[in-house]
Each structure stands twice: as C-alpha cells, then as structure tokens.
Amino acid sequence: MFRRGVAEPWTLLFDGRQVRAREGDSVASALLAAGITVTRRTPVSGAPRAPWCMMGACFDCVAIVDGHRGTRTCMTPAREGLRVDTQRD
C-alpha cells in the first residue's frame, strides 16, 4: 500500500506560486493536491492539458522544470526549491 512520508513538507514553485509537497510526491501529484491541474497549453489552440496517465506514457503533464522544457511532471520527484512553470508551446 502507498504511504506518504512523515517528514516535513517541502515547498516548490509553480509559476511563482508556492506549492507544498511531501516526501514521495511527484511534481504532478503535488500540483494536483494543491488544486493545480493545468501544466501546459497546446501550441495550436492553447487548449489546457493536465496530468492524465500519471505513469509517463501520455506526455500531457509536461512542464518546464528547473528550465528544462518537456519534463514529465508525473515522473519527476518533488523536492525543496524546485521551480516549475507552465509550458505554453
């Protein structure tokens, strides 16, 4: 069974907003827990995309993580001070 860590939560930044994350969280799960669902917008229509499969297969959750475009947030462990920005292309 999945268990969350008991350590103090970390803070990461999403589009400049502080988001709390716990040990064992992926970036996507921390964002979803904070009520943030959109991590990117499609290049043609600007339609919002959000974490969907949560196992790295669909690429709907990609964002800019510490300056790296196209990072799958569902596969990226959350950590203190991580900077995540909405990907708009």
C-alpha atoms as a PDB file:
ATOM      1  CA  MET A   1       0.000   0.000   0.000  1.00  0.00           C
ATOM      2  CA  PHE A   2       1.152   3.526  -0.757  1.00  0.00           C
ATOM      3  CA  ARG A   3       2.208   5.567   2.265  1.00  0.00           C
ATOM      4  CA  ARG A   4       3.212   9.170   2.365  1.00  0.00           C
ATOM      5  CA  GLY A   5       6.362  10.139   4.176  1.00  0.00           C
ATOM      6  CA  VAL A   6       6.075  11.757   7.576  1.00  0.00           C
ATOM      7  CA  ALA A   7       8.881  14.254   7.029  1.00  0.00           C
ATOM      8  CA  GLU A   8       8.187  17.974   6.938  1.00  0.00           C
ATOM      9  CA  PRO A   9       6.687  19.090   3.614  1.00  0.00           C
ATOM     10  CA  TRP A  10       8.820  20.819   1.014  1.00  0.00           C
ATOM     11  CA  THR A  11       7.996  23.915  -0.984  1.00  0.00           C
ATOM     12  CA  LEU A  12       8.305  24.082  -4.744  1.00  0.00           C
ATOM     13  CA  LEU A  13       7.335  26.974  -7.009  1.00  0.00           C
ATOM     14  CA  PHE A  14       4.762  26.711  -9.784  1.00  0.00           C
ATOM     15  CA  ASP A  15       4.541  29.840 -11.932  1.00  0.00           C
ATOM     16  CA  GLY A  16       5.949  31.714  -8.946  1.00  0.00           C
ATOM     17  CA  ARG A  17       3.340  30.343  -6.520  1.00  0.00           C
ATOM     18  CA  GLN A  18       4.444  28.290  -3.522  1.00  0.00           C
ATOM     19  CA  VAL A  19       3.175  24.705  -3.534  1.00  0.00           C
ATOM     20  CA  ARG A  20       3.677  22.238  -0.703  1.00  0.00           C
ATOM     21  CA  ALA A  21       4.909  18.741  -1.490  1.00  0.00           C
ATOM     22  CA  ARG A  22       5.623  15.739   0.686  1.00  0.00           C
ATOM     23  CA  GLU A  23       8.252  13.049   0.580  1.00  0.00           C
ATOM     24  CA  GLY A  24       7.319  10.573  -2.150  1.00  0.00           C
ATOM     25  CA  ASP A  25       5.226  13.038  -4.174  1.00  0.00           C
ATOM     26  CA  SER A  26       5.824  13.529  -7.854  1.00  0.00           C
ATOM     27  CA  VAL A  27       5.597  17.099  -9.082  1.00  0.00           C
ATOM     28  CA  ALA A  28       2.271  16.238 -10.762  1.00  0.00           C
ATOM     29  CA  SER A  29       0.766  14.765  -7.593  1.00  0.00           C
ATOM     30  CA  ALA A  30       1.877  17.773  -5.527  1.00  0.00           C
ATOM     31  CA  LEU A  31       0.305  20.142  -8.073  1.00  0.00           C
ATOM     32  CA  LEU A  32      -2.932  18.159  -8.206  1.00  0.00           C
ATOM     33  CA  ALA A  33      -3.111  18.086  -4.389  1.00  0.00           C
ATOM     34  CA  ALA A  34      -2.775  21.894  -4.447  1.00  0.00           C
ATOM     35  CA  GLY A  35      -5.655  22.180  -6.931  1.00  0.00           C
ATOM     36  CA  ILE A  36      -3.429  22.994  -9.909  1.00  0.00           C
ATOM     37  CA  THR A  37      -4.464  20.988 -12.938  1.00  0.00           C
ATOM     38  CA  VAL A  38      -3.009  22.747 -15.996  1.00  0.00           C
ATOM     39  CA  THR A  39       0.712  22.224 -16.629  1.00  0.00           C
ATOM     40  CA  ARG A  40       0.833  23.062 -20.324  1.00  0.00           C
ATOM     41  CA  ARG A  41      -1.144  24.515 -23.226  1.00  0.00           C
ATOM     42  CA  THR A  42      -1.213  23.071 -26.725  1.00  0.00           C
ATOM     43  CA  PRO A  43       0.720  25.030 -29.365  1.00  0.00           C
ATOM     44  CA  VAL A  44      -2.069  25.428 -31.937  1.00  0.00           C
ATOM     45  CA  SER A  45      -5.250  26.105 -29.954  1.00  0.00           C
ATOM     46  CA  GLY A  46      -3.867  26.875 -26.497  1.00  0.00           C
ATOM     47  CA  ALA A  47      -6.082  24.153 -25.006  1.00  0.00           C
ATOM     48  CA  PRO A  48      -5.158  23.274 -21.426  1.00  0.00           C
ATOM     49  CA  ARG A  49      -3.555  19.918 -20.644  1.00  0.00           C
ATOM     50  CA  ALA A  50      -3.144  18.268 -17.273  1.00  0.00           C
ATOM     51  CA  PRO A  51      -1.691  15.098 -15.747  1.00  0.00           C
ATOM     52  CA  TRP A  52      -3.687  12.165 -17.048  1.00  0.00           C
ATOM     53  CA  CYS A  53      -1.967   8.776 -17.038  1.00  0.00           C
ATOM     54  CA  MET A  54       0.396   9.512 -14.103  1.00  0.00           C
ATOM     55  CA  MET A  55       2.907   6.952 -15.436  1.00  0.00           C
ATOM     56  CA  GLY A  56       4.821   8.871 -18.101  1.00  0.00           C
ATOM     57  CA  ALA A  57       3.091   7.478 -21.181  1.00  0.00           C
ATOM     58  CA  CYS A  58       0.851  10.324 -22.377  1.00  0.00           C
ATOM     59  CA  PHE A  59       3.034  13.472 -22.031  1.00  0.00           C
ATOM     60  CA  ASP A  60       0.003  15.607 -21.104  1.00  0.00           C
ATOM     61  CA  CYS A  61       1.685  16.683 -17.861  1.00  0.00           C
ATOM     62  CA  VAL A  62       4.835  18.190 -19.361  1.00  0.00           C
ATOM     63  CA  ALA A  63       6.058  21.492 -17.960  1.00  0.00           C
ATOM     64  CA  ILE A  64       9.249  23.490 -17.648  1.00  0.00           C
ATOM     65  CA  VAL A  65      11.087  22.115 -14.613  1.00  0.00           C
ATOM     66  CA  ASP A  66      14.203  23.997 -13.482  1.00  0.00           C
ATOM     67  CA  GLY A  67      14.494  25.405 -17.015  1.00  0.00           C
ATOM     68  CA  HIS A  68      14.108  22.056 -18.812  1.00  0.00           C
ATOM     69  CA  ARG A  69      11.202  22.073 -21.288  1.00  0.00           C
ATOM     70  CA  GLY A  70       9.129  18.965 -21.888  1.00  0.00           C
ATOM     71  CA  THR A  71       9.685  17.449 -18.453  1.00  0.00           C
ATOM     72  CA  ARG A  72       7.061  14.873 -17.472  1.00  0.00           C
ATOM     73  CA  THR A  73       5.914  16.107 -14.073  1.00  0.00           C
ATOM     74  CA  CYS A  74       4.365  12.752 -13.187  1.00  0.00           C
ATOM     75  CA  MET A  75       7.810  11.149 -13.398  1.00  0.00           C
ATOM     76  CA  THR A  76       9.719  13.926 -11.629  1.00  0.00           C
ATOM     77  CA  PRO A  77      10.129  13.630  -7.858  1.00  0.00           C
ATOM     78  CA  ALA A  78       9.166  16.759  -5.947  1.00  0.00           C
ATOM     79  CA  ARG A  79      11.957  18.364  -3.939  1.00  0.00           C
ATOM     80  CA  GLU A  80      12.604  21.522  -2.000  1.00  0.00           C
ATOM     81  CA  GLY A  81      13.061  24.626  -4.143  1.00  0.00           C
ATOM     82  CA  LEU A  82      12.124  23.033  -7.470  1.00  0.00           C
ATOM     83  CA  ARG A  83      10.910  25.631  -9.987  1.00  0.00           C
ATOM     84  CA  VAL A  84       8.076  24.548 -12.294  1.00  0.00           C
ATOM     85  CA  ASP A  85       6.490  26.745 -14.973  1.00  0.00           C
ATOM     86  CA  THR A  86       3.575  26.207 -17.329  1.00  0.00           C
ATOM     87  CA  GLN A  87       4.762  25.148 -20.791  1.00  0.00           C
ATOM     88  CA  ARG A  88       2.980  27.182 -23.442  1.00  0.00           C
ATOM     89  CA  ASP A  89       4.234  25.536 -26.630  1.00  0.00           C
END
